[in-house]
């Protein structure tokens, strides 16, 4: 499956690196897979750390 990149990612490679670092940090901090963090970012439509952490906590509350 080929993933398409947004214009922001293709235009500025440093922004993509920062997003991946943020994903890795949140995944390690909350002990979830980086793929789960990326999915939450995609669903929420925001890469804001506080919003992602709220979604992770909501998911844990459901378990």
Protein backbone atom coordinates (compact mmCIF):
# COMPACT_ATOMS: atom_id res chain seq x y z
CA UNK A 1 0.00 0.00 0.00
CA UNK A 2 1.44 3.37 -1.00
CA UNK A 3 0.94 6.24 1.37
CA UNK A 4 0.58 9.71 -0.04
CA UNK A 5 2.37 12.51 1.75
CA UNK A 6 0.91 15.91 2.40
CA UNK A 7 2.40 18.99 0.79
CA UNK A 8 3.87 20.12 4.12
CA UNK A 9 5.77 16.87 4.58
CA UNK A 10 7.17 16.87 1.07
CA UNK A 11 8.07 20.56 1.15
CA UNK A 12 9.91 20.58 4.50
CA UNK A 13 11.74 17.38 5.45
CA UNK A 14 12.70 18.80 8.85
CA UNK A 15 9.01 19.09 9.78
CA UNK A 16 8.51 15.40 8.97
CA UNK A 17 11.46 14.51 11.17
CA UNK A 18 10.03 16.56 14.05
CA UNK A 19 6.67 14.82 13.71
CA UNK A 20 8.32 11.41 13.77
CA UNK A 21 10.34 12.37 16.86
CA UNK A 22 7.12 13.48 18.54
CA UNK A 23 5.43 10.20 17.60
CA UNK A 24 8.33 8.21 19.02
CA UNK A 25 8.32 10.26 22.22
CA UNK A 26 4.58 9.85 22.80
CA UNK A 27 4.68 6.15 21.98
CA UNK A 28 7.45 5.54 24.49
CA UNK A 29 5.89 7.75 27.16
CA UNK A 30 2.47 6.11 26.98
CA UNK A 31 3.76 2.61 26.16
CA UNK A 32 1.83 2.25 22.93
CA UNK A 33 2.91 1.48 19.41
CA UNK A 34 4.05 4.38 17.19
CA UNK A 35 1.44 3.18 14.69
CA UNK A 36 -1.28 3.81 17.27
CA UNK A 37 -0.01 7.34 17.85
CA UNK A 38 0.03 7.99 14.08
CA UNK A 39 -3.54 6.66 13.81
CA UNK A 40 -4.68 8.98 16.61
CA UNK A 41 -3.03 11.92 14.85
CA UNK A 42 -4.74 10.97 11.61
CA UNK A 43 -8.17 10.60 13.24
CA UNK A 44 -7.90 13.71 15.38
CA UNK A 45 -6.55 15.77 12.51
CA UNK A 46 -4.17 17.50 14.89
CA UNK A 47 -0.58 16.82 15.85
CA UNK A 48 -0.92 18.84 19.06
CA UNK A 49 0.62 16.88 21.94
CA UNK A 50 -2.15 17.64 24.46
CA UNK A 51 -4.88 16.50 22.06
CA UNK A 52 -3.07 13.25 21.31
CA UNK A 53 -2.49 12.54 25.00
CA UNK A 54 -6.21 13.11 25.73
CA UNK A 55 -7.14 10.61 23.03
CA UNK A 56 -4.69 8.05 24.41
CA UNK A 57 -6.21 8.47 27.88
CA UNK A 58 -9.72 8.07 26.47
CA UNK A 59 -8.65 4.84 24.84
CA UNK A 60 -7.17 3.54 28.07
CA UNK A 61 -10.35 4.41 29.95
CA UNK A 62 -12.33 2.21 27.55
CA UNK A 63 -10.23 -0.85 28.37
